[in-house]
Each structure stands twice: as C-alpha cells, then as structure tokens.
C-alpha cells in the first residue's frame, strides 16, 4: 500500500539535507490539464481594469500546481519512495485557454544520515 510522502521530504536539490539516498527509483510525475471558464475570463478581464494581482488566475494556477504536486507524490509513494529529489514544475498551453501543469522529480528512498 502506498504511503504518504511528507512535503518536507520533497526538494528541488539533488540531495535531502540530513539524509542519504539509499535507492533512486526513477522519474515520477503528476500532470493536470486545466481550462479557464468563460465566467473566470470575464472576472479576470474586469480585474485587469483596476490593475494588480488577477486573483482568479492566481487561484487557478495554484490549484493546478497543487494537484500536479499531489499526483506526483502519489506516483512516488506507489513506487515505494519516501522522498522526491530534483522536483520541478513545467507548464504549457495545450490549446487556447487550456494549460497543462506538470510536477516531476526523482523518486528515492532515503534514510537519516549519520
């Protein structure tokens, strides 16, 4: 059964401070594809009139990243990992108003150094 990987066991570096890599399990990823709704686009257009942060798009982006991140962690846990190293995000437009968000990294088994 897959276990949960704590967020402090995910790093953008190739090493996890205080731990040593026992085994590298390979690349893991989480992907989500999101679209902007017509209502969301209208609300965002209104927000651009006053300037500043466009919170509707900020929320959409944050939810997409969070979903991709959690899917990546599930993939890593299913492989037997307890950490993810060299984690990155990527995003691409798939079609007009449709964006793919990818979270990826290297699944690993780590143990406390020392």
N, C-alpha and C. Protein backbone atom coordinates (compact mmCIF):
# COMPACT_ATOMS: atom_id res chain seq x y z
N UNK A 1 0.85 -1.19 0.00
CA UNK A 1 0.00 0.00 0.00
C UNK A 1 0.89 1.25 0.00
N UNK A 2 0.50 2.24 -0.79
CA UNK A 2 1.28 3.47 -0.89
C UNK A 2 1.18 4.27 0.40
N UNK A 3 2.31 4.82 0.80
CA UNK A 3 2.32 5.69 1.97
C UNK A 3 2.43 7.13 1.52
N UNK A 4 2.12 8.02 2.40
CA UNK A 4 2.19 9.44 2.08
C UNK A 4 3.62 9.94 2.22
N UNK A 5 4.03 10.80 1.32
CA UNK A 5 5.35 11.41 1.39
C UNK A 5 5.16 12.81 1.97
N UNK A 6 5.79 13.09 3.12
CA UNK A 6 5.64 14.43 3.70
C UNK A 6 6.28 15.49 2.81
N UNK A 7 5.70 16.66 2.79
CA UNK A 7 6.20 17.74 1.93
C UNK A 7 7.64 18.11 2.25
N UNK A 8 8.08 17.93 3.50
CA UNK A 8 9.47 18.26 3.82
C UNK A 8 10.45 17.22 3.25
N UNK A 9 9.93 16.16 2.66
CA UNK A 9 10.76 15.14 2.01
C UNK A 9 10.82 15.37 0.50
N UNK A 10 10.43 16.56 0.07
CA UNK A 10 10.50 16.93 -1.34
C UNK A 10 11.43 18.13 -1.45
N UNK A 11 12.36 18.06 -2.39
CA UNK A 11 13.34 19.14 -2.54
C UNK A 11 13.64 19.37 -4.02
N UNK A 12 14.04 20.60 -4.32
CA UNK A 12 14.45 20.92 -5.68
C UNK A 12 15.93 20.58 -5.91
N UNK A 13 16.63 20.24 -4.85
CA UNK A 13 18.05 19.88 -5.00
C UNK A 13 18.19 18.38 -5.23
N UNK A 14 19.41 17.94 -5.48
CA UNK A 14 19.66 16.52 -5.74
C UNK A 14 19.91 15.74 -4.46
N UNK A 15 19.94 16.42 -3.33
CA UNK A 15 20.16 15.79 -2.04
C UNK A 15 19.15 16.33 -1.05
N UNK A 16 18.81 15.54 -0.05
CA UNK A 16 17.91 15.97 1.01
C UNK A 16 18.75 16.15 2.27
N UNK A 17 18.88 17.38 2.76
CA UNK A 17 19.72 17.64 3.93
C UNK A 17 19.38 16.72 5.11
N UNK A 18 20.42 16.15 5.70
CA UNK A 18 20.24 15.26 6.85
C UNK A 18 19.92 13.83 6.48
N UNK A 19 19.84 13.54 5.19
CA UNK A 19 19.51 12.19 4.74
C UNK A 19 20.52 11.72 3.69
N UNK A 20 20.57 10.42 3.54
CA UNK A 20 21.36 9.87 2.45
C UNK A 20 20.44 9.04 1.57
N UNK A 21 20.69 9.09 0.28
CA UNK A 21 19.87 8.35 -0.67
C UNK A 21 20.28 6.89 -0.62
N UNK A 22 19.33 6.04 -0.32
CA UNK A 22 19.57 4.59 -0.27
C UNK A 22 19.35 3.99 -1.65
N UNK A 23 18.31 4.52 -2.33
CA UNK A 23 17.97 3.97 -3.64
C UNK A 23 17.22 5.01 -4.46
N UNK A 24 17.63 5.19 -5.69
CA UNK A 24 16.91 6.04 -6.63
C UNK A 24 15.94 5.16 -7.40
N UNK A 25 14.67 5.56 -7.45
CA UNK A 25 13.64 4.73 -8.05
C UNK A 25 13.19 5.19 -9.43
N UNK A 26 13.68 6.33 -9.87
CA UNK A 26 13.33 6.81 -11.21
C UNK A 26 12.45 8.05 -11.19
N UNK A 27 12.11 8.48 -12.37
CA UNK A 27 11.33 9.71 -12.54
C UNK A 27 9.87 9.47 -12.19
N UNK A 28 9.30 10.45 -11.50
CA UNK A 28 7.87 10.44 -11.20
C UNK A 28 7.28 11.75 -11.69
N UNK A 29 5.99 11.73 -11.97
CA UNK A 29 5.35 12.95 -12.45
C UNK A 29 3.89 12.99 -12.02
N UNK A 30 3.38 14.18 -12.02
CA UNK A 30 1.97 14.42 -11.82
C UNK A 30 1.57 15.45 -12.85
N UNK A 31 0.49 15.22 -13.54
CA UNK A 31 0.07 16.13 -14.59
C UNK A 31 -1.40 16.45 -14.45
N UNK A 32 -1.73 17.70 -14.69
CA UNK A 32 -3.13 18.12 -14.71
C UNK A 32 -3.30 19.09 -15.88
N UNK A 33 -4.47 19.08 -16.46
CA UNK A 33 -4.79 19.99 -17.56
C UNK A 33 -6.01 20.79 -17.13
N UNK A 34 -5.87 22.10 -17.17
CA UNK A 34 -6.93 23.00 -16.70
C UNK A 34 -7.34 23.96 -17.80
N UNK A 35 -8.61 24.36 -17.76
CA UNK A 35 -9.09 25.39 -18.67
C UNK A 35 -9.70 26.52 -17.87
N UNK A 36 -9.69 27.68 -18.48
CA UNK A 36 -10.32 28.84 -17.86
C UNK A 36 -11.76 28.88 -18.33
N UNK A 37 -12.66 29.13 -17.40
CA UNK A 37 -14.07 29.22 -17.77
C UNK A 37 -14.37 30.59 -18.35
N UNK A 38 -15.48 30.68 -19.05
CA UNK A 38 -15.91 31.96 -19.62
C UNK A 38 -16.15 32.96 -18.51
N UNK A 39 -16.76 32.52 -17.42
CA UNK A 39 -17.03 33.40 -16.28
C UNK A 39 -15.71 33.84 -15.65
N UNK A 40 -14.76 32.91 -15.51
CA UNK A 40 -13.45 33.26 -14.96
C UNK A 40 -12.73 34.27 -15.83
N UNK A 41 -12.81 34.08 -17.15
CA UNK A 41 -12.18 35.03 -18.07
C UNK A 41 -12.80 36.41 -17.95
N UNK A 42 -14.11 36.46 -17.79
CA UNK A 42 -14.81 37.74 -17.64
C UNK A 42 -14.37 38.43 -16.35
N UNK A 43 -14.34 37.65 -15.26
CA UNK A 43 -13.90 38.21 -13.97
C UNK A 43 -12.47 38.70 -14.03
N UNK A 44 -11.61 37.94 -14.70
CA UNK A 44 -10.21 38.35 -14.83
C UNK A 44 -10.09 39.62 -15.67
N UNK A 45 -10.89 39.70 -16.72
CA UNK A 45 -10.87 40.90 -17.57
C UNK A 45 -11.26 42.12 -16.74
N UNK A 46 -12.24 41.97 -15.87
CA UNK A 46 -12.65 43.08 -15.01
C UNK A 46 -11.53 43.45 -14.03
N UNK A 47 -10.82 42.44 -13.50
CA UNK A 47 -9.72 42.71 -12.58
C UNK A 47 -8.57 43.43 -13.26
N UNK A 48 -8.36 43.17 -14.55
CA UNK A 48 -7.27 43.85 -15.25
C UNK A 48 -7.54 45.34 -15.40
N UNK A 49 -8.80 45.72 -15.37
CA UNK A 49 -9.14 47.15 -15.48
C UNK A 49 -8.62 47.95 -14.30
N UNK A 50 -8.61 47.32 -13.10
CA UNK A 50 -8.15 48.03 -11.91
C UNK A 50 -6.68 47.76 -11.62
N UNK A 51 -6.08 46.82 -12.31
CA UNK A 51 -4.66 46.52 -12.14
C UNK A 51 -4.39 45.63 -10.94
N UNK A 52 -3.14 45.28 -10.77
CA UNK A 52 -2.73 44.45 -9.64
C UNK A 52 -2.85 42.96 -9.93
N UNK A 53 -2.87 42.18 -8.86
CA UNK A 53 -2.94 40.73 -8.94
C UNK A 53 -4.29 40.29 -9.50
N UNK A 54 -4.26 39.40 -10.45
CA UNK A 54 -5.50 38.86 -11.02
C UNK A 54 -5.79 37.57 -10.25
N UNK A 55 -6.51 37.70 -9.15
CA UNK A 55 -6.68 36.60 -8.20
C UNK A 55 -7.37 35.37 -8.79
N UNK A 56 -8.24 35.57 -9.76
CA UNK A 56 -8.92 34.42 -10.37
C UNK A 56 -7.90 33.51 -11.04
N UNK A 57 -6.95 34.09 -11.77
CA UNK A 57 -5.92 33.29 -12.42
C UNK A 57 -4.91 32.75 -11.42
N UNK A 58 -4.63 33.53 -10.38
CA UNK A 58 -3.72 33.07 -9.33
C UNK A 58 -4.26 31.80 -8.69
N UNK A 59 -5.54 31.81 -8.35
CA UNK A 59 -6.17 30.63 -7.74
C UNK A 59 -6.16 29.44 -8.69
N UNK A 60 -6.45 29.68 -9.96
CA UNK A 60 -6.44 28.60 -10.95
C UNK A 60 -5.04 27.98 -11.05
N UNK A 61 -4.02 28.83 -11.12
CA UNK A 61 -2.64 28.33 -11.22
C UNK A 61 -2.23 27.57 -9.97
N UNK A 62 -2.58 28.10 -8.81
CA UNK A 62 -2.21 27.45 -7.56
C UNK A 62 -2.89 26.09 -7.43
N UNK A 63 -4.16 26.01 -7.78
CA UNK A 63 -4.87 24.72 -7.73
C UNK A 63 -4.26 23.71 -8.69
N UNK A 64 -3.89 24.16 -9.88
CA UNK A 64 -3.29 23.26 -10.86
C UNK A 64 -1.94 22.75 -10.37
N UNK A 65 -1.11 23.63 -9.80
CA UNK A 65 0.19 23.20 -9.26
C UNK A 65 0.02 22.23 -8.10
N UNK A 66 -0.92 22.54 -7.21
CA UNK A 66 -1.17 21.67 -6.06
C UNK A 66 -1.62 20.28 -6.50
N UNK A 67 -2.52 20.23 -7.47
CA UNK A 67 -3.00 18.94 -7.97
C UNK A 67 -1.88 18.14 -8.62
N UNK A 68 -1.08 18.78 -9.45
CA UNK A 68 0.04 18.10 -10.11
C UNK A 68 1.05 17.61 -9.07
N UNK A 69 1.32 18.42 -8.06
CA UNK A 69 2.25 18.07 -6.99
C UNK A 69 1.75 16.83 -6.23
N UNK A 70 0.48 16.83 -5.85
CA UNK A 70 -0.08 15.70 -5.10
C UNK A 70 -0.09 14.43 -5.94
N UNK A 71 -0.39 14.55 -7.23
CA UNK A 71 -0.34 13.38 -8.11
C UNK A 71 1.07 12.83 -8.21
N UNK A 72 2.07 13.71 -8.27
CA UNK A 72 3.46 13.28 -8.30
C UNK A 72 3.81 12.51 -7.03
N UNK A 73 3.38 13.04 -5.86
CA UNK A 73 3.66 12.36 -4.60
C UNK A 73 2.99 10.99 -4.54
N UNK A 74 1.79 10.89 -5.05
CA UNK A 74 1.10 9.58 -5.09
C UNK A 74 1.86 8.60 -5.98
N UNK A 75 2.34 9.07 -7.12
CA UNK A 75 3.12 8.23 -8.02
C UNK A 75 4.39 7.74 -7.34
N UNK A 76 5.08 8.65 -6.64
CA UNK A 76 6.32 8.28 -5.94
C UNK A 76 6.04 7.28 -4.82
N UNK A 77 5.00 7.52 -4.05
CA UNK A 77 4.67 6.61 -2.94
C UNK A 77 4.31 5.22 -3.47
N UNK A 78 3.62 5.16 -4.60
CA UNK A 78 3.25 3.87 -5.19
C UNK A 78 4.49 3.09 -5.64
N UNK A 79 5.58 3.80 -5.92
CA UNK A 79 6.84 3.15 -6.30
C UNK A 79 7.65 2.73 -5.07
N UNK A 80 7.21 3.11 -3.88
CA UNK A 80 7.93 2.77 -2.67
C UNK A 80 8.87 3.86 -2.18
N UNK A 81 8.76 5.05 -2.73
CA UNK A 81 9.63 6.16 -2.34
C UNK A 81 9.15 6.80 -1.04
N UNK A 82 10.08 7.41 -0.33
CA UNK A 82 9.72 8.24 0.82
C UNK A 82 10.23 9.66 0.66
N UNK A 83 10.74 9.98 -0.58
CA UNK A 83 11.22 11.32 -0.87
C UNK A 83 11.20 11.55 -2.39
N UNK A 84 11.18 12.82 -2.77
CA UNK A 84 11.31 13.19 -4.18
C UNK A 84 12.39 14.26 -4.26
N UNK A 85 13.39 13.99 -5.11
CA UNK A 85 14.52 14.90 -5.29
C UNK A 85 14.42 15.58 -6.65
N UNK A 86 15.11 16.70 -6.79
CA UNK A 86 15.18 17.45 -8.05
C UNK A 86 13.79 17.77 -8.61
N UNK A 87 12.87 18.11 -7.73
CA UNK A 87 11.49 18.39 -8.13
C UNK A 87 11.40 19.69 -8.91
N UNK A 88 10.60 19.68 -9.96
CA UNK A 88 10.39 20.85 -10.81
C UNK A 88 8.93 20.93 -11.25
N UNK A 89 8.54 22.14 -11.70
CA UNK A 89 7.24 22.36 -12.35
C UNK A 89 7.49 22.77 -13.78
N UNK A 90 6.54 22.45 -14.64
CA UNK A 90 6.56 22.92 -16.02
C UNK A 90 5.11 23.18 -16.41
N UNK A 91 4.89 24.10 -17.31
CA UNK A 91 3.54 24.40 -17.78
C UNK A 91 3.59 24.73 -19.26
N UNK A 92 2.58 24.28 -19.97
CA UNK A 92 2.49 24.52 -21.42
C UNK A 92 1.03 24.77 -21.79
N UNK A 93 0.82 25.63 -22.76
CA UNK A 93 -0.51 25.80 -23.32
C UNK A 93 -0.77 24.65 -24.27
N UNK A 94 -1.89 23.95 -24.06
CA UNK A 94 -2.27 22.84 -24.91
C UNK A 94 -3.15 23.34 -26.05
N UNK A 95 -4.02 24.26 -25.72
CA UNK A 95 -4.92 24.90 -26.69
C UNK A 95 -5.28 26.25 -26.12
N UNK A 96 -6.03 27.04 -26.86
CA UNK A 96 -6.46 28.36 -26.38
C UNK A 96 -7.21 28.21 -25.07
N UNK A 97 -6.67 28.78 -23.99
CA UNK A 97 -7.33 28.74 -22.69
C UNK A 97 -7.17 27.43 -21.93
N UNK A 98 -6.34 26.51 -22.44
CA UNK A 98 -6.12 25.21 -21.79
C UNK A 98 -4.63 25.06 -21.49
N UNK A 99 -4.32 24.82 -20.23
CA UNK A 99 -2.92 24.73 -19.81
C UNK A 99 -2.65 23.41 -19.12
N UNK A 100 -1.51 22.83 -19.45
CA UNK A 100 -1.02 21.62 -18.81
C UNK A 100 -0.01 22.04 -17.75
N UNK A 101 -0.14 21.48 -16.54
CA UNK A 101 0.84 21.73 -15.49
C UNK A 101 1.43 20.38 -15.10
N UNK A 102 2.75 20.32 -15.08
CA UNK A 102 3.47 19.09 -14.78
C UNK A 102 4.38 19.32 -13.58
N UNK A 103 4.31 18.43 -12.60
CA UNK A 103 5.26 18.39 -11.49
C UNK A 103 6.05 17.10 -11.68
N UNK A 104 7.38 17.19 -11.60
CA UNK A 104 8.18 15.98 -11.81
C UNK A 104 9.44 16.02 -10.95
N UNK A 105 10.01 14.86 -10.74
CA UNK A 105 11.22 14.75 -9.96
C UNK A 105 11.70 13.31 -9.96
N UNK A 106 12.66 13.02 -9.09
CA UNK A 106 13.21 11.67 -8.95
C UNK A 106 12.74 11.07 -7.64
N UNK A 107 12.03 9.96 -7.73
CA UNK A 107 11.58 9.24 -6.56
C UNK A 107 12.78 8.56 -5.91
N UNK A 108 12.86 8.60 -4.60
CA UNK A 108 14.00 8.00 -3.91
C UNK A 108 13.58 7.44 -2.56
N UNK A 109 14.38 6.49 -2.10
CA UNK A 109 14.27 6.01 -0.73
C UNK A 109 15.45 6.64 0.00
N UNK A 110 15.17 7.34 1.08
CA UNK A 110 16.21 7.98 1.87
C UNK A 110 16.13 7.52 3.30
N UNK A 111 17.24 7.67 4.01
CA UNK A 111 17.26 7.38 5.44
C UNK A 111 18.12 8.44 6.11
N UNK A 112 17.92 8.65 7.41
CA UNK A 112 18.72 9.66 8.11
C UNK A 112 20.22 9.37 7.96
N UNK A 113 20.98 10.43 7.70
CA UNK A 113 22.43 10.29 7.59
C UNK A 113 23.02 10.16 8.98
N UNK A 114 24.09 9.46 9.04
CA UNK A 114 24.77 9.52 10.28
C UNK A 114 25.14 8.31 10.95
